[in-house]
Amino acid sequence: MEREAPKVKLETIIKLCTEGIEMLSQNKVEETMNGLMHTLEMARQMMAVHTSRGEVWVKAKVKLGDIFPDTRGKLIRNDEMGMLVQWEVPGSQRPLVDLFLRNQFEEYIELEDTCDKHQH
């Protein structure tokens, strides 16, 4: 199955610009910059996952059943259905695999090499 190219909807760009202008009008410069940096980081992560030719490693952001925060996982599938992650759990008798839908993965996982120069 062919991976679908990441898309940015026009409504998303308009919403981000509108929110940025509104925050700047309230003299919230630092918050606006942090928001823009976070958005750019999310875009960078999506592109890294989509265009990678080698292994892509993620880590859990929250506890997911037997998976604890900061547990490493290997991305074994990435397509329009979502992202399939196989977790590295020492001593596990079976592979632990999770499917994350496109609209929910940010809540649970992140790329292992993320930017941490700004607040999320």
PDB file of N, CA and C in Angstrom:
ATOM      1  N   MET A   1       0.844  -1.177   0.000  1.00  0.00           N
ATOM      2  CA  MET A   1       0.000   0.000   0.000  1.00  0.00           C
ATOM      3  C   MET A   1       0.893   1.246   0.000  1.00  0.00           C
ATOM      4  N   GLU A   2       0.612   2.169  -0.866  1.00  0.00           N
ATOM      5  CA  GLU A   2       1.417   3.381  -1.011  1.00  0.00           C
ATOM      6  C   GLU A   2       1.100   4.368   0.117  1.00  0.00           C
ATOM      7  N   ARG A   3       2.159   4.993   0.658  1.00  0.00           N
ATOM      8  CA  ARG A   3       1.939   6.007   1.697  1.00  0.00           C
ATOM      9  C   ARG A   3       1.403   7.273   1.068  1.00  0.00           C
ATOM     10  N   GLU A   4       0.439   7.871   1.714  1.00  0.00           N
ATOM     11  CA  GLU A   4      -0.137   9.124   1.245  1.00  0.00           C
ATOM     12  C   GLU A   4       0.765  10.273   1.695  1.00  0.00           C
ATOM     13  N   ALA A   5       1.005  11.221   0.801  1.00  0.00           N
ATOM     14  CA  ALA A   5       1.840  12.375   1.146  1.00  0.00           C
ATOM     15  C   ALA A   5       1.139  13.211   2.212  1.00  0.00           C
ATOM     16  N   PRO A   6       1.908  13.746   3.175  1.00  0.00           N
ATOM     17  CA  PRO A   6       1.280  14.588   4.196  1.00  0.00           C
ATOM     18  C   PRO A   6       0.669  15.822   3.551  1.00  0.00           C
ATOM     19  N   LYS A   7      -0.493  16.204   4.030  1.00  0.00           N
ATOM     20  CA  LYS A   7      -1.188  17.355   3.468  1.00  0.00           C
ATOM     21  C   LYS A   7      -1.435  18.388   4.559  1.00  0.00           C
ATOM     22  N   VAL A   8      -1.391  19.635   4.170  1.00  0.00           N
ATOM     23  CA  VAL A   8      -1.761  20.717   5.078  1.00  0.00           C
ATOM     24  C   VAL A   8      -3.002  21.364   4.491  1.00  0.00           C
ATOM     25  N   LYS A   9      -4.045  21.406   5.280  1.00  0.00           N
ATOM     26  CA  LYS A   9      -5.295  21.987   4.804  1.00  0.00           C
ATOM     27  C   LYS A   9      -5.218  23.504   4.896  1.00  0.00           C
ATOM     28  N   LEU A  10      -5.812  24.178   3.917  1.00  0.00           N
ATOM     29  CA  LEU A  10      -5.838  25.634   3.890  1.00  0.00           C
ATOM     30  C   LEU A  10      -6.492  26.185   5.155  1.00  0.00           C
ATOM     31  N   GLU A  11      -7.541  25.504   5.623  1.00  0.00           N
ATOM     32  CA  GLU A  11      -8.228  25.974   6.850  1.00  0.00           C
ATOM     33  C   GLU A  11      -7.279  25.964   8.049  1.00  0.00           C
ATOM     34  N   THR A  12      -6.368  24.988   8.085  1.00  0.00           N
ATOM     35  CA  THR A  12      -5.404  24.897   9.187  1.00  0.00           C
ATOM     36  C   THR A  12      -4.461  26.097   9.161  1.00  0.00           C
ATOM     37  N   ILE A  13      -3.967  26.447   7.983  1.00  0.00           N
ATOM     38  CA  ILE A  13      -3.059  27.596   7.856  1.00  0.00           C
ATOM     39  C   ILE A  13      -3.781  28.885   8.240  1.00  0.00           C
ATOM     40  N   ILE A  14      -5.007  29.058   7.762  1.00  0.00           N
ATOM     41  CA  ILE A  14      -5.783  30.258   8.096  1.00  0.00           C
ATOM     42  C   ILE A  14      -6.008  30.337   9.604  1.00  0.00           C
ATOM     43  N   LYS A  15      -6.353  29.196  10.226  1.00  0.00           N
ATOM     44  CA  LYS A  15      -6.583  29.167  11.677  1.00  0.00           C
ATOM     45  C   LYS A  15      -5.318  29.563  12.441  1.00  0.00           C
ATOM     46  N   LEU A  16      -4.158  28.990  12.032  1.00  0.00           N
ATOM     47  CA  LEU A  16      -2.899  29.307  12.703  1.00  0.00           C
ATOM     48  C   LEU A  16      -2.556  30.785  12.554  1.00  0.00           C
ATOM     49  N   CYS A  17      -2.726  31.328  11.368  1.00  0.00           N
ATOM     50  CA  CYS A  17      -2.428  32.751  11.145  1.00  0.00           C
ATOM     51  C   CYS A  17      -3.357  33.634  11.964  1.00  0.00           C
ATOM     52  N   THR A  18      -4.645  33.295  11.985  1.00  0.00           N
ATOM     53  CA  THR A  18      -5.627  34.079  12.744  1.00  0.00           C
ATOM     54  C   THR A  18      -5.295  34.064  14.231  1.00  0.00           C
ATOM     55  N   GLU A  19      -4.979  32.875  14.761  1.00  0.00           N
ATOM     56  CA  GLU A  19      -4.621  32.771  16.180  1.00  0.00           C
ATOM     57  C   GLU A  19      -3.351  33.557  16.474  1.00  0.00           C
ATOM     58  N   GLY A  20      -2.364  33.467  15.573  1.00  0.00           N
ATOM     59  CA  GLY A  20      -1.110  34.197  15.766  1.00  0.00           C
ATOM     60  C   GLY A  20      -1.322  35.698  15.792  1.00  0.00           C
ATOM     61  N   ILE A  21      -2.127  36.199  14.867  1.00  0.00           N
ATOM     62  CA  ILE A  21      -2.409  37.648  14.806  1.00  0.00           C
ATOM     63  C   ILE A  21      -3.139  38.089  16.070  1.00  0.00           C
ATOM     64  N   GLU A  22      -4.106  37.286  16.513  1.00  0.00           N
ATOM     65  CA  GLU A  22      -4.860  37.630  17.719  1.00  0.00           C
ATOM     66  C   GLU A  22      -3.946  37.665  18.946  1.00  0.00           C
ATOM     67  N   MET A  23      -3.058  36.690  19.071  1.00  0.00           N
ATOM     68  CA  MET A  23      -2.143  36.660  20.216  1.00  0.00           C
ATOM     69  C   MET A  23      -1.157  37.822  20.165  1.00  0.00           C
ATOM     70  N   LEU A  24      -0.666  38.146  18.970  1.00  0.00           N
ATOM     71  CA  LEU A  24       0.251  39.285  18.844  1.00  0.00           C
ATOM     72  C   LEU A  24      -0.449  40.591  19.209  1.00  0.00           C
ATOM     73  N   SER A  25      -1.738  40.723  18.848  1.00  0.00           N
ATOM     74  CA  SER A  25      -2.479  41.943  19.177  1.00  0.00           C
ATOM     75  C   SER A  25      -2.646  42.099  20.681  1.00  0.00           C
ATOM     76  N   GLN A  26      -2.494  41.003  21.425  1.00  0.00           N
ATOM     77  CA  GLN A  26      -2.581  41.043  22.891  1.00  0.00           C
ATOM     78  C   GLN A  26      -1.182  41.100  23.521  1.00  0.00           C
ATOM     79  N   ASN A  27      -0.176  41.425  22.702  1.00  0.00           N
ATOM     80  CA  ASN A  27       1.224  41.508  23.140  1.00  0.00           C
ATOM     81  C   ASN A  27       1.753  40.198  23.712  1.00  0.00           C
ATOM     82  N   LYS A  28       1.239  39.073  23.221  1.00  0.00           N
ATOM     83  CA  LYS A  28       1.703  37.759  23.659  1.00  0.00           C
ATOM     84  C   LYS A  28       2.737  37.250  22.651  1.00  0.00           C
ATOM     85  N   VAL A  29       3.856  37.960  22.563  1.00  0.00           N
ATOM     86  CA  VAL A  29       4.876  37.651  21.562  1.00  0.00           C
ATOM     87  C   VAL A  29       5.526  36.292  21.835  1.00  0.00           C
ATOM     88  N   GLU A  30       5.932  36.063  23.088  1.00  0.00           N
ATOM     89  CA  GLU A  30       6.613  34.809  23.412  1.00  0.00           C
ATOM     90  C   GLU A  30       5.697  33.605  23.198  1.00  0.00           C
ATOM     91  N   GLU A  31       4.424  33.736  23.625  1.00  0.00           N
ATOM     92  CA  GLU A  31       3.472  32.635  23.433  1.00  0.00           C
ATOM     93  C   GLU A  31       3.247  32.365  21.951  1.00  0.00           C
ATOM     94  N   THR A  32       3.203  33.430  21.144  1.00  0.00           N
ATOM     95  CA  THR A  32       3.020  33.272  19.700  1.00  0.00           C
ATOM     96  C   THR A  32       4.206  32.541  19.100  1.00  0.00           C
ATOM     97  N   MET A  33       5.419  32.935  19.479  1.00  0.00           N
ATOM     98  CA  MET A  33       6.625  32.286  18.961  1.00  0.00           C
ATOM     99  C   MET A  33       6.668  30.812  19.376  1.00  0.00           C
ATOM    100  N   ASN A  34       6.319  30.522  20.630  1.00  0.00           N
ATOM    101  CA  ASN A  34       6.306  29.127  21.092  1.00  0.00           C
ATOM    102  C   ASN A  34       5.294  28.303  20.302  1.00  0.00           C
ATOM    103  N   GLY A  35       4.127  28.880  20.043  1.00  0.00           N
ATOM    104  CA  GLY A  35       3.101  28.183  19.274  1.00  0.00           C
ATOM    105  C   GLY A  35       3.567  27.890  17.860  1.00  0.00           C
ATOM    106  N   LEU A  36       4.213  28.872  17.226  1.00  0.00           N
ATOM    107  CA  LEU A  36       4.723  28.672  15.873  1.00  0.00           C
ATOM    108  C   LEU A  36       5.840  27.627  15.857  1.00  0.00           C
ATOM    109  N   MET A  37       6.725  27.664  16.844  1.00  0.00           N
ATOM    110  CA  MET A  37       7.809  26.694  16.918  1.00  0.00           C
ATOM    111  C   MET A  37       7.251  25.278  17.104  1.00  0.00           C
ATOM    112  N   HIS A  38       6.217  25.151  17.938  1.00  0.00           N
ATOM    113  CA  HIS A  38       5.588  23.852  18.156  1.00  0.00           C
ATOM    114  C   HIS A  38       4.977  23.331  16.852  1.00  0.00           C
ATOM    115  N   THR A  39       4.291  24.201  16.122  1.00  0.00           N
ATOM    116  CA  THR A  39       3.680  23.815  14.851  1.00  0.00           C
ATOM    117  C   THR A  39       4.736  23.373  13.850  1.00  0.00           C
ATOM    118  N   LEU A  40       5.836  24.120  13.769  1.00  0.00           N
ATOM    119  CA  LEU A  40       6.922  23.752  12.862  1.00  0.00           C
ATOM    120  C   LEU A  40       7.545  22.414  13.267  1.00  0.00           C
ATOM    121  N   GLU A  41       7.675  22.176  14.560  1.00  0.00           N
ATOM    122  CA  GLU A  41       8.240  20.910  15.036  1.00  0.00           C
ATOM    123  C   GLU A  41       7.333  19.740  14.662  1.00  0.00           C
ATOM    124  N   MET A  42       6.020  19.912  14.815  1.00  0.00           N
ATOM    125  CA  MET A  42       5.084  18.854  14.430  1.00  0.00           C
ATOM    126  C   MET A  42       5.202  18.565  12.935  1.00  0.00           C
ATOM    127  N   ALA A  43       5.331  19.623  12.127  1.00  0.00           N
ATOM    128  CA  ALA A  43       5.480  19.446  10.679  1.00  0.00           C
ATOM    129  C   ALA A  43       6.788  18.712  10.374  1.00  0.00           C
ATOM    130  N   ARG A  44       7.869  19.060  11.085  1.00  0.00           N
ATOM    131  CA  ARG A  44       9.159  18.411  10.873  1.00  0.00           C
ATOM    132  C   ARG A  44       9.072  16.921  11.210  1.00  0.00           C
ATOM    133  N   GLN A  45       8.396  16.605  12.297  1.00  0.00           N
ATOM    134  CA  GLN A  45       8.258  15.209  12.693  1.00  0.00           C
ATOM    135  C   GLN A  45       7.474  14.418  11.645  1.00  0.00           C
ATOM    136  N   MET A  46       6.369  15.000  11.164  1.00  0.00           N
ATOM    137  CA  MET A  46       5.559  14.305  10.164  1.00  0.00           C
ATOM    138  C   MET A  46       6.367  14.067   8.892  1.00  0.00           C
ATOM    139  N   MET A  47       7.135  15.050   8.461  1.00  0.00           N
ATOM    140  CA  MET A  47       7.937  14.899   7.248  1.00  0.00           C
ATOM    141  C   MET A  47       9.041  13.863   7.463  1.00  0.00           C
ATOM    142  N   ALA A  48       9.656  13.849   8.642  1.00  0.00           N
ATOM    143  CA  ALA A  48      10.711  12.876   8.930  1.00  0.00           C
ATOM    144  C   ALA A  48      10.147  11.462   8.874  1.00  0.00           C
ATOM    145  N   VAL A  49       8.979  11.274   9.441  1.00  0.00           N
ATOM    146  CA  VAL A  49       8.351   9.958   9.432  1.00  0.00           C
ATOM    147  C   VAL A  49       7.975   9.568   8.003  1.00  0.00           C
ATOM    148  N   HIS A  50       7.443  10.520   7.249  1.00  0.00           N
ATOM    149  CA  HIS A  50       6.955  10.212   5.902  1.00  0.00           C
ATOM    150  C   HIS A  50       8.087   9.934   4.915  1.00  0.00           C
ATOM    151  N   THR A  51       9.171  10.687   5.004  1.00  0.00           N
ATOM    152  CA  THR A  51      10.217  10.578   3.984  1.00  0.00           C
ATOM    153  C   THR A  51      11.348   9.648   4.365  1.00  0.00           C
ATOM    154  N   SER A  52      11.302   9.080   5.557  1.00  0.00           N
ATOM    155  CA  SER A  52      12.431   8.257   5.997  1.00  0.00           C
ATOM    156  C   SER A  52      12.546   6.994   5.157  1.00  0.00           C
ATOM    157  N   ARG A  53      13.777   6.602   4.911  1.00  0.00           N
ATOM    158  CA  ARG A  53      14.045   5.376   4.169  1.00  0.00           C
ATOM    159  C   ARG A  53      14.553   4.294   5.124  1.00  0.00           C
ATOM    160  N   GLY A  54      15.088   4.712   6.251  1.00  0.00           N
ATOM    161  CA  GLY A  54      15.628   3.750   7.210  1.00  0.00           C
ATOM    162  C   GLY A  54      14.658   3.542   8.356  1.00  0.00           C
ATOM    163  N   GLU A  55      15.224   3.163   9.484  1.00  0.00           N
ATOM    164  CA  GLU A  55      14.399   2.920  10.660  1.00  0.00           C
ATOM    165  C   GLU A  55      13.980   4.234  11.303  1.00  0.00           C
ATOM    166  N   VAL A  56      12.751   4.272  11.760  1.00  0.00           N
ATOM    167  CA  VAL A  56      12.241   5.426  12.491  1.00  0.00           C
ATOM    168  C   VAL A  56      11.869   4.945  13.882  1.00  0.00           C
ATOM    169  N   TRP A  57      12.459   5.601  14.886  1.00  0.00           N
ATOM    170  CA  TRP A  57      12.196   5.243  16.279  1.00  0.00           C
ATOM    171  C   TRP A  57      11.371   6.331  16.942  1.00  0.00           C
ATOM    172  N   VAL A  58      10.405   5.888  17.750  1.00  0.00           N
ATOM    173  CA  VAL A  58       9.557   6.804  18.497  1.00  0.00           C
ATOM    174  C   VAL A  58       9.698   6.460  19.973  1.00  0.00           C
ATOM    175  N   LYS A  59       9.091   7.301  20.799  1.00  0.00           N
ATOM    176  CA  LYS A  59       9.025   6.975  22.222  1.00  0.00           C
ATOM    177  C   LYS A  59       7.640   7.331  22.734  1.00  0.00           C
ATOM    178  N   ALA A  60       7.210   6.595  23.733  1.00  0.00           N
ATOM    179  CA  ALA A  60       5.894   6.814  24.328  1.00  0.00           C
ATOM    180  C   ALA A  60       5.922   8.086  25.164  1.00  0.00           C
ATOM    181  N   LYS A  61       4.889   8.897  25.040  1.00  0.00           N
ATOM    182  CA  LYS A  61       4.777  10.112  25.843  1.00  0.00           C
ATOM    183  C   LYS A  61       4.022   9.845  27.147  1.00  0.00           C
ATOM    184  N   VAL A  62       3.152   8.834  27.128  1.00  0.00           N
ATOM    185  CA  VAL A  62       2.310   8.508  28.286  1.00  0.00           C
ATOM    186  C   VAL A  62       2.321   6.989  28.486  1.00  0.00           C
ATOM    187  N   LYS A  63       1.757   6.538  29.612  1.00  0.00           N
ATOM    188  CA  LYS A  63       1.640   5.084  29.857  1.00  0.00           C
ATOM    189  C   LYS A  63       0.558   4.522  28.942  1.00  0.00           C
ATOM    190  N   LEU A  64       0.917   3.454  28.232  1.00  0.00           N
ATOM    191  CA  LEU A  64      -0.005   2.796  27.299  1.00  0.00           C
ATOM    192  C   LEU A  64      -0.095   1.318  27.676  1.00  0.00           C
ATOM    193  N   GLY A  65      -0.926   0.983  28.634  1.00  0.00           N
ATOM    194  CA  GLY A  65      -1.004  -0.405  29.095  1.00  0.00           C
ATOM    195  C   GLY A  65       0.294  -0.822  29.749  1.00  0.00           C
ATOM    196  N   ASP A  66       0.995  -1.799  29.146  1.00  0.00           N
ATOM    197  CA  ASP A  66       2.277  -2.272  29.682  1.00  0.00           C
ATOM    198  C   ASP A  66       3.450  -1.402  29.237  1.00  0.00           C
ATOM    199  N   ILE A  67       3.200  -0.411  28.414  1.00  0.00           N
ATOM    200  CA  ILE A  67       4.249   0.464  27.890  1.00  0.00           C
ATOM    201  C   ILE A  67       4.334   1.711  28.766  1.00  0.00           C
ATOM    202  N   PHE A  68       5.531   1.980  29.280  1.00  0.00           N
ATOM    203  CA  PHE A  68       5.725   3.137  30.153  1.00  0.00           C
ATOM    204  C   PHE A  68       6.255   4.321  29.358  1.00  0.00           C
ATOM    205  N   PRO A  69       6.069   5.561  29.853  1.00  0.00           N
ATOM    206  CA  PRO A  69       6.605   6.736  29.161  1.00  0.00           C
ATOM    207  C   PRO A  69       8.092   6.566  28.879  1.00  0.00           C
ATOM    208  N   ASP A  70       8.544   7.067  27.742  1.00  0.00           N
ATOM    209  CA  ASP A  70       9.927   7.016  27.255  1.00  0.00           C
ATOM    210  C   ASP A  70      10.347   5.636  26.741  1.00  0.00           C
ATOM    211  N   THR A  71       9.417   4.672  26.674  1.00  0.00           N
ATOM    212  CA  THR A  71       9.734   3.382  26.055  1.00  0.00           C
ATOM    213  C   THR A  71       9.941   3.596  24.563  1.00  0.00           C
ATOM    214  N   ARG A  72      11.003   2.971  24.019  1.00  0.00           N
ATOM    215  CA  ARG A  72      11.303   3.088  22.594  1.00  0.00           C
ATOM    216  C   ARG A  72      10.450   2.122  21.787  1.00  0.00           C
ATOM    217  N   GLY A  73      10.089   2.572  20.591  1.00  0.00           N
ATOM    218  CA  GLY A  73       9.359   1.712  19.673  1.00  0.00           C
ATOM    219  C   GLY A  73       9.815   1.971  18.250  1.00  0.00           C
ATOM    220  N   LYS A  74       9.731   0.933  17.435  1.00  0.00           N
ATOM    221  CA  LYS A  74      10.132   1.049  16.035  1.00  0.00           C
ATOM    222  C   LYS A  74       8.877   1.178  15.183  1.00  0.00           C
ATOM    223  N   LEU A  75       8.866   2.170  14.310  1.00  0.00           N
ATOM    224  CA  LEU A  75       7.745   2.355  13.399  1.00  0.00           C
ATOM    225  C   LEU A  75       7.840   1.270  12.329  1.00  0.00           C
ATOM    226  N   ILE A  76       6.848   0.376  12.293  1.00  0.00           N
ATOM    227  CA  ILE A  76       6.910  -0.724  11.331  1.00  0.00           C
ATOM    228  C   ILE A  76       5.926  -0.549  10.177  1.00  0.00           C
ATOM    229  N   ARG A  77       5.035   0.407  10.291  1.00  0.00           N
ATOM    230  CA  ARG A  77       4.147   0.737   9.177  1.00  0.00           C
ATOM    231  C   ARG A  77       3.684   2.176   9.322  1.00  0.00           C
ATOM    232  N   ASN A  78       3.585   2.868   8.199  1.00  0.00           N
ATOM    233  CA  ASN A  78       3.109   4.244   8.199  1.00  0.00           C
ATOM    234  C   ASN A  78       2.357   4.456   6.897  1.00  0.00           C
ATOM    235  N   ASP A  79       1.036   4.522   6.984  1.00  0.00           N
ATOM    236  CA  ASP A  79       0.236   4.749   5.785  1.00  0.00           C
ATOM    237  C   ASP A  79      -1.012   5.538   6.160  1.00  0.00           C
ATOM    238  N   GLU A  80      -1.965   5.605   5.243  1.00  0.00           N
ATOM    239  CA  GLU A  80      -3.149   6.422   5.511  1.00  0.00           C
ATOM    240  C   GLU A  80      -3.987   5.893   6.669  1.00  0.00           C
ATOM    241  N   MET A  81      -3.814   4.626   7.029  1.00  0.00           N
ATOM    242  CA  MET A  81      -4.549   4.069   8.166  1.00  0.00           C
ATOM    243  C   MET A  81      -3.978   4.542   9.492  1.00  0.00           C
ATOM    244  N   GLY A  82      -2.681   4.781   9.537  1.00  0.00           N
ATOM    245  CA  GLY A  82      -2.050   5.221  10.770  1.00  0.00           C
ATOM    246  C   GLY A  82      -0.629   4.709  10.880  1.00  0.00           C
ATOM    247  N   MET A  83      -0.123   4.701  12.101  1.00  0.00           N
ATOM    248  CA  MET A  83       1.250   4.297  12.365  1.00  0.00           C
ATOM    249  C   MET A  83       1.236   3.071  13.272  1.00  0.00           C
ATOM    250  N   LEU A  84       1.950   2.044  12.847  1.00  0.00           N
ATOM    251  CA  LEU A  84       2.055   0.814  13.619  1.00  0.00           C
ATOM    252  C   LEU A  84       3.429   0.807  14.286  1.00  0.00           C
ATOM    253  N   VAL A  85       3.440   0.701  15.602  1.00  0.00           N
ATOM    254  CA  VAL A  85       4.680   0.757  16.384  1.00  0.00           C
ATOM    255  C   VAL A  85       4.879  -0.560  17.121  1.00  0.00           C
ATOM    256  N   GLN A  86       6.085  -1.120  16.999  1.00  0.00           N
ATOM    257  CA  GLN A  86       6.456  -2.300  17.785  1.00  0.00           C
ATOM    258  C   GLN A  86       7.386  -1.835  18.894  1.00  0.00           C
ATOM    259  N   TRP A  87       6.967  -2.060  20.137  1.00  0.00           N
ATOM    260  CA  TRP A  87       7.697  -1.563  21.297  1.00  0.00           C
ATOM    261  C   TRP A  87       8.848  -2.476  21.665  1.00  0.00           C
ATOM    262  N   GLU A  88       9.928  -1.882  22.162  1.00  0.00           N
ATOM    263  CA  GLU A  88      11.075  -2.617  22.700  1.00  0.00           C
ATOM    264  C   GLU A  88      10.878  -2.780  24.195  1.00  0.00           C
ATOM    265  N   VAL A  89      10.432  -3.951  24.602  1.00  0.00           N
ATOM    266  CA  VAL A  89      10.178  -4.208  26.020  1.00  0.00           C
ATOM    267  C   VAL A  89      11.012  -5.408  26.437  1.00  0.00           C
ATOM    268  N   PRO A  90      12.134  -5.161  27.153  1.00  0.00           N
ATOM    269  CA  PRO A  90      13.000  -6.265  27.586  1.00  0.00           C
ATOM    270  C   PRO A  90      12.218  -7.269  28.423  1.00  0.00           C
ATOM    271  N   GLY A  91      12.442  -8.547  28.134  1.00  0.00           N
ATOM    272  CA  GLY A  91      11.806  -9.600  28.910  1.00  0.00           C
ATOM    273  C   GLY A  91      10.394  -9.945  28.496  1.00  0.00           C
ATOM    274  N   SER A  92       9.837  -9.235  27.532  1.00  0.00           N
ATOM    275  CA  SER A  92       8.476  -9.522  27.093  1.00  0.00           C
ATOM    276  C   SER A  92       8.455 -10.840  26.328  1.00  0.00           C
ATOM    277  N   GLN A  93       7.455 -11.664  26.583  1.00  0.00           N
ATOM    278  CA  GLN A  93       7.332 -12.969  25.937  1.00  0.00           C
ATOM    279  C   GLN A  93       6.753 -12.867  24.527  1.00  0.00           C
ATOM    280  N   ARG A  94       6.198 -11.723  24.188  1.00  0.00           N
ATOM    281  CA  ARG A  94       5.578 -11.531  22.875  1.00  0.00           C
ATOM    282  C   ARG A  94       5.809 -10.108  22.402  1.00  0.00           C
ATOM    283  N   PRO A  95       5.745  -9.884  21.096  1.00  0.00           N
ATOM    284  CA  PRO A  95       5.899  -8.500  20.598  1.00  0.00           C
ATOM    285  C   PRO A  95       4.705  -7.650  21.041  1.00  0.00           C
ATOM    286  N   LEU A  96       4.977  -6.440  21.458  1.00  0.00           N
ATOM    287  CA  LEU A  96       3.915  -5.508  21.822  1.00  0.00           C
ATOM    288  C   LEU A  96       3.806  -4.482  20.703  1.00  0.00           C
ATOM    289  N   VAL A  97       2.636  -4.421  20.072  1.00  0.00           N
ATOM    290  CA  VAL A  97       2.428  -3.556  18.912  1.00  0.00           C
ATOM    291  C   VAL A  97       1.180  -2.711  19.143  1.00  0.00           C
ATOM    292  N   ASP A  98       1.259  -1.439  18.761  1.00  0.00           N
ATOM    293  CA  ASP A  98       0.116  -0.529  18.855  1.00  0.00           C
ATOM    294  C   ASP A  98      -0.099   0.159  17.525  1.00  0.00           C
ATOM    295  N   LEU A  99      -1.369   0.411  17.195  1.00  0.00           N
ATOM    296  CA  LEU A  99      -1.730   1.196  16.015  1.00  0.00           C
ATOM    297  C   LEU A  99      -2.222   2.553  16.489  1.00  0.00           C
ATOM    298  N   PHE A 100      -1.635   3.609  15.931  1.00  0.00           N
ATOM    299  CA  PHE A 100      -2.042   4.969  16.261  1.00  0.00           C
ATOM    300  C   PHE A 100      -2.651   5.599  15.022  1.00  0.00           C
ATOM    301  N   LEU A 101      -3.890   6.029  15.140  1.00  0.00           N
ATOM    302  CA  LEU A 101      -4.557   6.680  14.021  1.00  0.00           C
ATOM    303  C   LEU A 101      -3.921   8.029  13.757  1.00  0.00           C
ATOM    304  N   ARG A 102      -4.034   8.501  12.534  1.00  0.00           N
ATOM    305  CA  ARG A 102      -3.412   9.763  12.121  1.00  0.00           C
ATOM    306  C   ARG A 102      -3.791  10.927  13.025  1.00  0.00           C
ATOM    307  N   ASN A 103      -5.051  10.983  13.460  1.00  0.00           N
ATOM    308  CA  ASN A 103      -5.512  12.142  14.222  1.00  0.00           C
ATOM    309  C   ASN A 103      -5.272  12.018  15.718  1.00  0.00           C
ATOM    310  N   GLN A 104      -4.565  10.956  16.163  1.00  0.00           N
ATOM    311  CA  GLN A 104      -4.382  10.804  17.602  1.00  0.00           C
ATOM    312  C   GLN A 104      -2.951  10.518  18.028  1.00  0.00           C
ATOM    313  N   PHE A 105      -2.029  10.316  17.094  1.00  0.00           N
ATOM    314  CA  PHE A 105      -0.695   9.861  17.507  1.00  0.00           C
ATOM    315  C   PHE A 105       0.047  10.889  18.337  1.00  0.00           C
ATOM    316  N   GLU A 106      -0.171  12.202  18.102  1.00  0.00           N
ATOM    317  CA  GLU A 106       0.578  13.236  18.829  1.00  0.00           C
ATOM    318  C   GLU A 106       0.344  13.173  20.334  1.00  0.00           C
ATOM    319  N   GLU A 107      -0.802  12.636  20.751  1.00  0.00           N
ATOM    320  CA  GLU A 107      -1.107  12.543  22.178  1.00  0.00           C
ATOM    321  C   GLU A 107      -0.298  11.444  22.866  1.00  0.00           C
ATOM    322  N   TYR A 108       0.166  10.458  22.079  1.00  0.00           N
ATOM    323  CA  TYR A 108       0.750   9.263  22.673  1.00  0.00           C
ATOM    324  C   TYR A 108       2.218   9.023  22.368  1.00  0.00           C
ATOM    325  N   ILE A 109       2.669   9.399  21.169  1.00  0.00           N
ATOM    326  CA  ILE A 109       4.046   9.112  20.771  1.00  0.00           C
ATOM    327  C   ILE A 109       4.687  10.341  20.138  1.00  0.00           C
ATOM    328  N   GLU A 110       6.027  10.342  20.118  1.00  0.00           N
ATOM    329  CA  GLU A 110       6.777  11.389  19.443  1.00  0.00           C
ATOM    330  C   GLU A 110       8.045  10.777  18.879  1.00  0.00           C
ATOM    331  N   LEU A 111       8.622  11.435  17.878  1.00  0.00           N
ATOM    332  CA  LEU A 111       9.883  10.964  17.334  1.00  0.00           C
ATOM    333  C   LEU A 111      10.939  10.989  18.415  1.00  0.00           C
ATOM    334  N   GLU A 112      11.860  10.049  18.378  1.00  0.00           N
ATOM    335  CA  GLU A 112      12.890   9.969  19.405  1.00  0.00           C
ATOM    336  C   GLU A 112      13.810  11.183  19.385  1.00  0.00           C
ATOM    337  N   ASP A 113      14.087  11.741  18.205  1.00  0.00           N
ATOM    338  CA  ASP A 113      14.989  12.890  18.125  1.00  0.00           C
ATOM    339  C   ASP A 113      14.203  14.174  17.887  1.00  0.00           C
ATOM    340  N   THR A 114      13.451  14.601  18.911  1.00  0.00           N
ATOM    341  CA  THR A 114      12.637  15.799  18.761  1.00  0.00           C
ATOM    342  C   THR A 114      13.383  17.032  19.252  1.00  0.00           C
ATOM    343  N   CYS A 115      12.908  18.148  18.776  1.00  0.00           N
ATOM    344  CA  CYS A 115      13.461  19.442  19.166  1.00  0.00           C
ATOM    345  C   CYS A 115      12.911  19.797  20.548  1.00  0.00           C
ATOM    346  N   ASP A 116      13.772  20.220  21.463  1.00  0.00           N
ATOM    347  CA  ASP A 116      13.277  20.609  22.785  1.00  0.00           C
ATOM    348  C   ASP A 116      13.749  22.008  23.141  1.00  0.00           C
ATOM    349  N   LYS A 117      13.858  22.866  22.123  1.00  0.00           N
ATOM    350  CA  LYS A 117      14.316  24.218  22.360  1.00  0.00           C
ATOM    351  C   LYS A 117      13.190  25.159  22.734  1.00  0.00           C
ATOM    352  N   HIS A 118      11.958  24.661  22.768  1.00  0.00           N
ATOM    353  CA  HIS A 118      10.817  25.500  23.115  1.00  0.00           C
ATOM    354  C   HIS A 118       9.831  24.681  23.929  1.00  0.00           C
ATOM    355  N   GLN A 119       8.890  25.360  24.544  1.00  0.00           N
ATOM    356  CA  GLN A 119       7.878  24.695  25.357  1.00  0.00           C
ATOM    357  C   GLN A 119       6.757  24.194  24.475  1.00  0.00           C
ATOM    358  N   HIS A 120       6.239  23.005  24.770  1.00  0.00           N
ATOM    359  CA  HIS A 120       5.077  22.474  24.024  1.00  0.00           C
ATOM    360  C   HIS A 120       3.827  22.839  24.788  1.00  0.00           C
TER     361      HIS A 120
END
